[in-house]
Amino acid sequence: MDVGTTGVKLAVYDERLSRVYYERVSVGFERTVEGYVEQNAVKLAEVVKGFARKAKSLGARKLGICTYRASVLAWSKDGAPLTNIITWIDGRGREVVEKLPGYAKLLRNVSGALSQILSPDSPAVLMRWILDHVEGLRERVERSDAYLWTVDSYILYTLTGKFYSDATNAALTGLIHPRNLEEIDIVFSLLKLPRRTPEVVDNVVDAGSFEGLDVSVLIADQQSASVAVGALREGAIESVHGTGSFVEQCTGKFAMVGGGLVPVIILSLDGRRVYGVEGFVRTTGSIVEWLREAGFFSSYEEMEGLASRASRGVLVLPAFGGFRCPRAPRLRGLITGLHPGVGRGEVVAGLAWGVALHIAYIIREIRKRVGAPRSPLWASGGYSQSDYFLQVLADVTGLKVARPVDVESSCRGVAKLLALADGRVSRDELEEPPPPGKVFEPRLGGEVRERLLESY
């Protein structure tokens, strides 16, 4: 099961890892105030439980779950939500950051790590916002009568009653250090957060059962995509293009590199961890959806046709909620190159160029800090269905771009880990890439590519 930002997907696989069933249910946002982006936790739990029952009815023996990350909520001991889910694209954390005492702001300015952790979109900062706005919650959390953590823990708690957080999710909260999975004392102190954290577990784990269905895999969605394409060796690189676009390059060992890049745990098995670095474009699929709702196109097929026939020159800068790499949290979207001849196709094509150039910028930062990626750049997720976009991505990165046959890579990564838990796949086999469905070769020369990046 892939619990994503905009919907939940259920994929059932047979013992040969062939997908035999697939279903998706959309889960919308609730925007109560400008800049606030929430999800209804009750509705999400209902969808997850319904899908678990569906999987069992189809003969599934084991359930694995990947979840979207860095999104927080509070819930009571009986599993009832006390807040909506505050998502990773929500902007309210700025209220907390602006009210930090002077010494905290000084530490934030001199420490690259604290600058990332004490940022408006940090789960740790959002937890402090919840504590400030839900009366009595701090006391309830301190006496273990309520829980405050990320969506992965909430989903598992509603299914099995276990208060766990897997290493890939926990390491992105700003409260658990990815290098050793220990609590980061200074963040708890600066934000005055209660020390009531879940048990941090490996990605393959006995996490209890739901109505007789064993839960055996817990992992973050982007990391699950890395598992799907075998990007678990140093230099391997993959990207997922869903609500946002995420790029992860495996470093093998822990690396704190700065530049707006985030250190991540890609996989934790038997206490051994595979590390990587990540950069992301906050808004990709959400802008595609915005263009669709605005009447630019009605389907992916129409979008593809418009882009392929369009003239060049328009660039859409996709920034509904600022950039992290480069660091520009207050930046907003921009469309350049407008003239009377610009139509729907030019804007749609301009979005592909804007996202691709941003990803190329991120990969250039990764290259400078941890070394060159190994080709190919794997691409999956909804927007990867666009051949036009993936060709532009190959052109501006200078890398071969490979799209797997199964673009639902987060689901497939979970399936591979379930097969590992069942003894059907070895640890070494996890690193094997799938056969590509299509490969896109770069067509631009190096000088042209560099000029484009500098212009961007």
Protein backbone atom coordinates (compact mmCIF):
# COMPACT_ATOMS: atom_id res chain seq x y z
CA MET A 1 0.00 0.00 0.00
CA ASP A 2 1.32 3.42 -1.00
CA VAL A 3 -0.16 6.16 1.20
CA GLY A 4 0.66 9.21 -0.90
CA THR A 5 0.07 12.92 -0.55
CA THR A 6 -2.93 13.00 -2.88
CA GLY A 7 -4.16 9.41 -2.81
CA VAL A 8 -3.76 5.86 -1.55
CA LYS A 9 -2.79 3.00 -3.87
CA LEU A 10 -3.26 -0.71 -3.30
CA ALA A 11 -1.17 -3.12 -5.38
CA VAL A 12 -1.33 -6.89 -4.88
CA TYR A 13 1.51 -9.04 -6.25
CA ASP A 14 1.87 -12.77 -6.76
CA GLU A 15 4.90 -14.80 -5.64
CA ARG A 16 6.78 -13.86 -8.85
CA LEU A 17 6.21 -10.16 -8.08
CA SER A 18 3.78 -9.78 -10.95
CA ARG A 19 1.06 -7.28 -10.11
CA VAL A 20 -2.35 -8.93 -10.10
CA TYR A 21 -4.49 -6.11 -8.70
CA TYR A 22 -4.29 -2.32 -8.54
CA GLU A 23 -6.63 0.35 -7.20
CA ARG A 24 -6.28 4.01 -6.28
CA VAL A 25 -8.47 6.27 -4.16
CA SER A 26 -7.94 10.03 -4.14
CA VAL A 27 -7.61 11.76 -0.79
CA GLY A 28 -8.06 15.49 -1.12
CA PHE A 29 -6.66 18.40 0.85
CA GLU A 30 -8.46 20.64 3.29
CA ARG A 31 -7.23 24.22 3.01
CA THR A 32 -8.76 26.02 5.96
CA VAL A 33 -6.44 29.05 5.84
CA GLU A 34 -4.23 30.36 3.04
CA GLY A 35 -0.93 28.47 3.19
CA TYR A 36 -2.38 25.65 5.31
CA VAL A 37 -2.56 22.28 3.55
CA GLU A 38 -4.18 19.54 5.65
CA GLN A 39 -5.66 16.08 5.18
CA ASN A 40 -8.51 14.50 7.08
CA ALA A 41 -6.90 11.79 9.22
CA VAL A 42 -10.16 9.90 9.78
CA LYS A 43 -10.84 9.60 6.04
CA LEU A 44 -7.27 8.48 5.38
CA ALA A 45 -7.46 5.76 8.04
CA GLU A 46 -10.79 4.54 6.62
CA VAL A 47 -9.27 4.19 3.13
CA VAL A 48 -6.22 2.35 4.50
CA LYS A 49 -8.34 -0.10 6.51
CA GLY A 50 -10.63 -0.68 3.55
CA PHE A 51 -7.68 -1.45 1.31
CA ALA A 52 -6.18 -3.82 3.90
CA ARG A 53 -9.47 -5.75 3.99
CA LYS A 54 -9.55 -5.76 0.19
CA ALA A 55 -6.01 -7.15 0.03
CA LYS A 56 -6.88 -9.92 2.47
CA SER A 57 -9.99 -10.82 0.47
CA LEU A 58 -7.74 -11.20 -2.59
CA GLY A 59 -5.54 -13.68 -0.75
CA ALA A 60 -2.72 -11.44 0.44
CA ARG A 61 -0.73 -12.90 3.34
CA LYS A 62 1.53 -9.95 4.13
CA LEU A 63 0.99 -6.21 4.02
CA GLY A 64 3.67 -3.60 3.47
CA ILE A 65 3.08 0.14 3.71
CA CYS A 66 4.98 3.10 2.34
CA THR A 67 3.88 6.58 3.31
CA TYR A 68 4.44 10.16 2.34
CA ARG A 69 6.85 11.84 4.68
CA ALA A 70 7.40 14.78 6.99
CA SER A 71 3.67 15.25 7.73
CA VAL A 72 2.43 15.32 11.31
CA LEU A 73 -0.66 14.96 13.47
CA ALA A 74 -1.75 14.15 17.00
CA TRP A 75 -3.99 11.24 18.00
CA SER A 76 -5.33 9.79 21.22
CA LYS A 77 -4.51 6.46 22.82
CA ASP A 78 -7.65 4.94 21.29
CA GLY A 79 -6.46 5.94 17.80
CA ALA A 80 -8.84 8.87 17.30
CA PRO A 81 -7.16 11.85 15.58
CA LEU A 82 -6.91 15.03 17.63
CA THR A 83 -5.87 17.12 14.61
CA ASN A 84 -5.90 16.92 10.86
CA ILE A 85 -2.67 15.83 9.18
CA ILE A 86 -0.46 18.86 8.54
CA THR A 87 1.22 17.95 5.27
CA TRP A 88 4.79 18.53 4.12
CA ILE A 89 3.62 21.24 1.70
CA ASP A 90 1.99 23.29 4.50
CA GLY A 91 3.49 26.71 5.25
CA ARG A 92 2.39 27.42 8.82
CA GLY A 93 5.73 26.45 10.38
CA ARG A 94 6.97 29.93 9.53
CA GLU A 95 4.96 31.20 12.53
CA VAL A 96 7.06 29.02 14.85
CA VAL A 97 10.39 29.88 13.22
CA GLU A 98 9.72 33.63 13.41
CA LYS A 99 8.96 33.37 17.14
CA LEU A 100 12.11 31.42 18.04
CA PRO A 101 14.23 33.15 20.71
CA GLY A 102 17.34 35.03 19.58
CA TYR A 103 19.82 32.33 20.62
CA ALA A 104 17.88 29.73 18.63
CA LYS A 105 17.94 31.92 15.52
CA LEU A 106 21.69 32.44 16.00
CA LEU A 107 22.28 28.69 16.20
CA ARG A 108 20.10 28.23 13.14
CA ASN A 109 22.18 30.75 11.20
CA VAL A 110 25.56 29.19 12.04
CA SER A 111 24.59 25.51 11.73
CA GLY A 112 23.62 24.08 8.36
CA ALA A 113 21.96 21.09 10.03
CA LEU A 114 19.88 23.24 12.39
CA SER A 115 18.99 25.55 9.52
CA GLN A 116 17.34 22.58 7.80
CA ILE A 117 15.69 21.24 10.95
CA LEU A 118 14.37 24.61 12.14
CA SER A 119 12.76 25.43 8.79
CA PRO A 120 9.05 26.11 8.26
CA ASP A 121 8.38 22.73 6.62
CA SER A 122 10.22 20.67 9.24
CA PRO A 123 8.10 18.04 11.04
CA ALA A 124 9.73 19.07 14.33
CA VAL A 125 8.61 22.67 13.80
CA LEU A 126 5.10 21.57 12.80
CA MET A 127 4.88 19.47 15.99
CA ARG A 128 5.63 22.59 18.02
CA TRP A 129 2.89 24.46 16.13
CA ILE A 130 0.38 21.73 17.05
CA LEU A 131 1.39 21.84 20.71
CA ASP A 132 0.91 25.61 20.72
CA HIS A 133 -2.58 25.38 19.22
CA VAL A 134 -4.22 22.28 20.77
CA GLU A 135 -5.14 22.94 24.37
CA GLY A 136 -4.00 20.27 26.83
CA LEU A 137 -2.14 18.23 24.22
CA ARG A 138 1.31 18.72 25.73
CA GLU A 139 0.18 17.27 29.05
CA ARG A 140 -1.56 14.33 27.33
CA VAL A 141 1.55 13.51 25.29
CA GLU A 142 3.78 13.75 28.36
CA ARG A 143 1.66 11.20 30.23
CA SER A 144 1.43 8.96 27.11
CA ASP A 145 -2.32 9.53 26.79
CA ALA A 146 -1.82 10.91 23.27
CA TYR A 147 0.74 10.71 20.50
CA LEU A 148 2.35 13.37 18.31
CA TRP A 149 4.37 12.13 15.35
CA THR A 150 4.35 11.59 11.60
CA VAL A 151 1.71 9.98 9.40
CA ASP A 152 3.55 6.64 9.10
CA SER A 153 3.19 6.05 12.84
CA TYR A 154 -0.46 7.06 12.83
CA ILE A 155 -1.32 4.68 9.98
CA LEU A 156 0.39 1.75 11.71
CA TYR A 157 -1.19 2.62 15.07
CA THR A 158 -4.69 2.59 13.58
CA LEU A 159 -4.00 -0.84 12.05
CA THR A 160 -2.08 -2.70 14.78
CA GLY A 161 -1.86 -0.47 17.86
CA LYS A 162 1.97 -0.37 17.61
CA PHE A 163 3.69 3.00 18.14
CA TYR A 164 6.56 2.49 15.67
CA SER A 165 8.29 4.71 13.14
CA ASP A 166 10.57 3.16 10.56
CA ALA A 167 14.11 4.51 10.18
CA THR A 168 13.52 6.11 6.77
CA ASN A 169 10.62 8.19 8.09
CA ALA A 170 11.97 8.89 11.59
CA ALA A 171 15.27 10.26 10.24
CA LEU A 172 13.38 12.99 8.37
CA THR A 173 11.59 14.42 11.41
CA GLY A 174 14.54 16.52 12.59
CA LEU A 175 14.27 14.79 15.97
CA ILE A 176 16.06 11.50 15.20
CA HIS A 177 19.64 11.61 13.86
CA PRO A 178 20.01 9.60 10.65
CA ARG A 179 23.57 8.59 11.50
CA ASN A 180 22.76 6.73 14.73
CA LEU A 181 18.94 6.97 15.17
CA GLU A 182 19.40 8.73 18.51
CA GLU A 183 17.29 11.67 19.64
CA ILE A 184 18.75 15.08 18.77
CA ASP A 185 18.75 16.71 22.21
CA ILE A 186 19.25 20.29 21.07
CA VAL A 187 16.15 20.25 18.84
CA PHE A 188 13.93 18.94 21.64
CA SER A 189 15.33 21.72 23.86
CA LEU A 190 15.03 24.56 21.35
CA LEU A 191 11.46 23.66 20.40
CA LYS A 192 10.46 22.54 23.90
CA LEU A 193 9.02 19.26 22.63
CA PRO A 194 8.06 16.39 24.95
CA ARG A 195 10.33 13.35 24.64
CA ARG A 196 7.69 10.81 23.74
CA THR A 197 8.98 9.24 20.57
CA PRO A 198 8.01 5.96 18.88
CA GLU A 199 10.24 2.92 18.70
CA VAL A 200 12.39 3.35 15.59
CA VAL A 201 12.45 0.10 13.62
CA ASP A 202 13.95 -1.43 10.47
CA ASN A 203 12.03 -1.44 7.21
CA VAL A 204 11.34 -5.18 7.43
CA VAL A 205 9.78 -5.74 10.84
CA ASP A 206 7.05 -7.59 12.68
CA ALA A 207 4.71 -4.63 13.11
CA GLY A 208 1.67 -6.59 14.28
CA SER A 209 -1.40 -7.59 12.33
CA PHE A 210 -4.72 -6.16 11.20
CA GLU A 211 -7.63 -8.60 11.18
CA GLY A 212 -5.23 -11.49 10.57
CA LEU A 213 -3.12 -9.72 7.91
CA ASP A 214 0.53 -9.42 9.03
CA VAL A 215 2.18 -6.01 8.59
CA SER A 216 5.80 -6.77 7.66
CA VAL A 217 7.21 -3.72 5.83
CA LEU A 218 7.24 -0.02 6.74
CA ILE A 219 9.14 2.50 4.60
CA ALA A 220 8.96 6.06 3.26
CA ASP A 221 7.57 6.36 -0.26
CA GLN A 222 10.57 7.93 -2.01
CA GLN A 223 12.96 5.42 -0.43
CA SER A 224 10.70 2.58 -1.50
CA ALA A 225 11.07 3.84 -5.07
CA SER A 226 14.86 3.54 -4.70
CA VAL A 227 14.40 -0.08 -3.61
CA ALA A 228 12.15 -0.72 -6.61
CA VAL A 229 14.87 0.20 -9.13
CA GLY A 230 17.76 -1.23 -7.11
CA ALA A 231 19.34 2.19 -6.44
CA LEU A 232 21.14 0.90 -3.33
CA ARG A 233 24.79 1.15 -4.44
CA GLU A 234 26.94 4.26 -4.24
CA GLY A 235 26.25 6.59 -7.15
CA ALA A 236 22.93 5.03 -8.16
CA ILE A 237 20.31 7.72 -8.73
CA GLU A 238 16.53 7.74 -9.12
CA SER A 239 13.73 10.25 -9.27
CA VAL A 240 10.02 10.14 -8.52
CA HIS A 241 7.64 12.64 -10.09
CA GLY A 242 4.38 12.73 -8.18
CA THR A 243 2.98 15.63 -6.16
CA GLY A 244 6.57 16.88 -6.14
CA SER A 245 9.72 15.66 -7.88
CA PHE A 246 12.30 13.97 -5.68
CA VAL A 247 15.86 12.99 -6.61
CA GLU A 248 17.82 10.55 -4.46
CA GLN A 249 21.42 9.50 -5.00
CA CYS A 250 22.87 6.67 -2.95
CA THR A 251 26.01 7.60 -0.99
CA GLY A 252 26.32 4.31 0.88
CA LYS A 253 27.55 6.07 4.02
CA PHE A 254 26.04 9.00 5.92
CA ALA A 255 26.79 12.38 4.34
CA MET A 256 25.75 15.83 5.61
CA VAL A 257 26.47 17.94 2.54
CA GLY A 258 24.46 21.19 2.76
CA GLY A 259 23.37 23.15 -0.28
CA GLY A 260 19.71 22.49 0.45
CA LEU A 261 20.26 18.73 0.07
CA VAL A 262 18.87 16.44 2.75
CA PRO A 263 20.67 13.37 4.13
CA VAL A 264 18.36 10.35 4.04
CA ILE A 265 18.31 6.74 5.09
CA ILE A 266 17.33 4.83 1.96
CA LEU A 267 17.04 1.44 3.65
CA SER A 268 17.54 -0.07 7.11
CA LEU A 269 17.79 -3.86 7.42
CA ASP A 270 19.04 -5.77 10.46
CA GLY A 271 20.37 -2.53 11.93
CA ARG A 272 22.51 -1.80 8.85
CA ARG A 273 21.65 1.35 6.94
CA VAL A 274 22.10 2.50 3.34
CA TYR A 275 22.36 6.30 3.06
CA GLY A 276 21.75 8.84 0.35
CA VAL A 277 21.17 12.52 -0.29
CA GLU A 278 17.99 14.04 -1.65
CA GLY A 279 16.83 17.19 -3.32
CA PHE A 280 13.30 17.97 -4.38
CA VAL A 281 11.00 20.17 -6.39
CA ARG A 282 8.08 20.83 -4.08
CA THR A 283 5.40 21.18 -6.74
CA THR A 284 5.23 19.06 -9.89
CA GLY A 285 2.07 16.97 -10.00
CA SER A 286 0.21 19.65 -8.09
CA ILE A 287 0.97 22.17 -10.86
CA VAL A 288 0.03 19.62 -13.52
CA GLU A 289 -3.30 19.23 -11.72
CA TRP A 290 -3.65 23.01 -11.41
CA LEU A 291 -3.16 23.38 -15.18
CA ARG A 292 -5.70 20.63 -15.81
CA GLU A 293 -8.27 22.30 -13.55
CA ALA A 294 -7.58 25.62 -15.29
CA GLY A 295 -8.58 24.02 -18.61
CA PHE A 296 -5.18 23.69 -20.29
CA PHE A 297 -5.82 19.97 -20.98
CA SER A 298 -8.12 17.18 -19.82
CA SER A 299 -5.81 14.13 -19.92
CA TYR A 300 -2.15 13.11 -19.94
CA GLU A 301 -2.53 12.22 -23.62
CA GLU A 302 -3.74 15.71 -24.48
CA MET A 303 -1.00 17.26 -22.33
CA GLU A 304 1.62 15.21 -24.17
CA GLY A 305 0.27 16.21 -27.58
CA LEU A 306 0.21 19.90 -26.68
CA ALA A 307 3.79 19.85 -25.38
CA SER A 308 5.20 17.96 -28.35
CA ARG A 309 3.72 20.46 -30.85
CA ALA A 310 4.66 23.60 -28.91
CA SER A 311 7.38 26.08 -29.78
CA ARG A 312 10.21 26.63 -27.31
CA GLY A 313 10.89 29.70 -25.21
CA VAL A 314 8.36 29.64 -22.36
CA LEU A 315 9.63 28.57 -18.94
CA VAL A 316 7.38 27.79 -15.97
CA LEU A 317 9.11 28.03 -12.61
CA PRO A 318 7.15 25.59 -10.40
CA ALA A 319 7.21 27.19 -6.97
CA PHE A 320 3.86 27.25 -5.18
CA GLY A 321 5.69 26.92 -1.85
CA GLY A 322 9.28 28.09 -2.34
CA PHE A 323 12.47 26.15 -3.05
CA ARG A 324 14.74 24.22 -0.69
CA CYS A 325 17.51 23.62 -3.24
CA PRO A 326 18.43 26.38 -3.98
CA ARG A 327 17.39 27.82 -0.61
CA ALA A 328 14.54 30.21 -1.41
CA PRO A 329 11.56 29.49 0.89
CA ARG A 330 9.62 32.64 -0.04
CA LEU A 331 9.96 32.21 -3.81
CA ARG A 332 6.72 31.92 -5.76
CA GLY A 333 5.90 30.67 -9.24
CA LEU A 334 6.87 32.44 -12.43
CA ILE A 335 6.07 32.10 -16.13
CA THR A 336 8.62 33.73 -18.45
CA GLY A 337 8.84 34.14 -22.21
CA LEU A 338 5.22 35.20 -22.72
CA HIS A 339 4.25 36.79 -26.05
CA PRO A 340 1.02 36.96 -28.12
CA GLY A 341 1.78 33.66 -29.85
CA VAL A 342 1.93 31.66 -26.61
CA GLY A 343 -0.85 29.11 -26.23
CA ARG A 344 -1.69 26.21 -23.97
CA GLY A 345 0.99 23.99 -25.45
CA GLU A 346 3.80 26.44 -24.78
CA VAL A 347 2.82 26.70 -21.10
CA VAL A 348 2.55 22.91 -20.75
CA ALA A 349 5.96 22.46 -22.42
CA GLY A 350 7.37 25.26 -20.27
CA LEU A 351 6.43 23.30 -17.15
CA ALA A 352 8.38 20.27 -18.40
CA TRP A 353 11.42 22.48 -18.97
CA GLY A 354 11.04 24.21 -15.60
CA VAL A 355 10.85 20.95 -13.64
CA ALA A 356 13.64 19.34 -15.66
CA LEU A 357 16.00 22.30 -15.23
CA HIS A 358 15.34 22.38 -11.50
CA ILE A 359 16.18 18.67 -11.29
CA ALA A 360 19.33 19.28 -13.35
CA TYR A 361 20.30 22.00 -10.87
CA ILE A 362 19.78 19.58 -7.97
CA ILE A 363 21.85 16.88 -9.67
CA ARG A 364 24.63 19.40 -10.29
CA GLU A 365 24.62 20.21 -6.55
CA ILE A 366 24.72 16.50 -5.72
CA ARG A 367 27.59 15.97 -8.17
CA LYS A 368 29.61 18.79 -6.54
CA ARG A 369 29.10 17.45 -3.02
CA VAL A 370 29.09 13.64 -3.20
CA GLY A 371 30.29 12.74 -6.70
CA ALA A 372 28.92 12.00 -10.13
CA PRO A 373 25.81 9.84 -10.44
CA ARG A 374 25.86 6.54 -12.29
CA SER A 375 23.71 6.47 -15.39
CA PRO A 376 20.84 5.85 -15.86
CA LEU A 377 18.67 8.27 -13.94
CA TRP A 378 15.58 6.20 -13.14
CA ALA A 379 12.30 8.09 -13.37
CA SER A 380 8.91 6.93 -12.08
CA GLY A 381 5.68 8.40 -10.75
CA GLY A 382 2.73 9.94 -12.55
CA TYR A 383 4.54 12.71 -14.47
CA SER A 384 7.11 10.19 -15.74
CA GLN A 385 4.40 8.93 -18.11
CA SER A 386 5.21 11.99 -20.23
CA ASP A 387 7.77 11.08 -22.91
CA TYR A 388 8.21 14.78 -23.62
CA PHE A 389 9.21 15.52 -20.03
CA LEU A 390 11.62 12.59 -19.78
CA GLN A 391 13.33 13.55 -23.05
CA VAL A 392 13.81 17.11 -21.77
CA LEU A 393 15.09 15.65 -18.49
CA ALA A 394 17.70 13.59 -20.37
CA ASP A 395 18.68 16.63 -22.46
CA VAL A 396 19.29 18.99 -19.53
CA THR A 397 20.91 16.49 -17.13
CA GLY A 398 23.13 14.80 -19.72
CA LEU A 399 22.12 11.42 -18.28
CA LYS A 400 20.28 8.54 -19.83
CA VAL A 401 16.80 8.50 -18.29
CA ALA A 402 15.21 5.09 -17.79
CA ARG A 403 11.52 4.57 -17.09
CA PRO A 404 10.63 1.17 -15.60
CA VAL A 405 7.77 -0.86 -17.01
CA ASP A 406 5.95 -0.42 -13.69
CA VAL A 407 5.97 3.32 -12.94
CA GLU A 408 4.28 2.69 -9.55
CA SER A 409 7.74 2.26 -8.09
CA SER A 410 6.83 2.96 -4.47
CA CYS A 411 4.41 0.01 -4.48
CA ARG A 412 6.95 -2.24 -6.21
CA GLY A 413 9.65 -1.36 -3.69
CA VAL A 414 7.35 -2.46 -0.88
CA ALA A 415 6.62 -5.69 -2.78
CA LYS A 416 10.35 -6.45 -3.09
CA LEU A 417 10.79 -5.97 0.65
CA LEU A 418 7.78 -8.20 1.36
CA ALA A 419 9.44 -10.86 -0.80
CA LEU A 420 12.62 -10.39 1.25
CA ALA A 421 10.63 -10.81 4.46
CA ASP A 422 9.12 -13.98 3.00
CA GLY A 423 12.53 -15.41 2.04
CA ARG A 424 11.83 -15.20 -1.71
CA VAL A 425 14.36 -12.46 -2.49
CA SER A 426 17.93 -12.11 -1.18
CA ARG A 427 19.55 -8.90 0.06
CA ASP A 428 21.77 -8.84 -3.05
CA GLU A 429 18.76 -9.22 -5.33
CA LEU A 430 17.31 -5.99 -3.93
CA GLU A 431 20.11 -4.15 -5.75
CA GLU A 432 19.21 -5.56 -9.15
CA PRO A 433 17.55 -2.96 -11.43
CA PRO A 434 14.41 -3.88 -13.36
CA PRO A 435 14.36 -4.02 -17.16
CA PRO A 436 13.60 -0.51 -18.42
CA GLY A 437 10.37 0.08 -20.26
CA LYS A 438 11.90 2.95 -22.24
CA VAL A 439 15.26 4.77 -22.25
CA PHE A 440 15.73 8.43 -23.25
CA GLU A 441 19.17 9.46 -24.54
CA PRO A 442 20.45 13.05 -24.07
CA ARG A 443 20.49 15.01 -27.33
CA LEU A 444 21.98 18.37 -26.30
CA GLY A 445 25.69 19.12 -26.42
CA GLY A 446 27.53 19.90 -23.20
CA GLU A 447 28.00 23.62 -23.95
CA VAL A 448 24.32 24.14 -24.75
CA ARG A 449 23.37 22.27 -21.58
CA GLU A 450 25.64 24.43 -19.43
CA ARG A 451 24.28 27.64 -20.97
CA LEU A 452 20.73 26.50 -20.21
CA LEU A 453 21.62 25.72 -16.60
CA GLU A 454 23.42 29.03 -16.12
CA SER A 455 20.46 30.87 -17.64
CA TYR A 456 18.10 28.98 -15.34
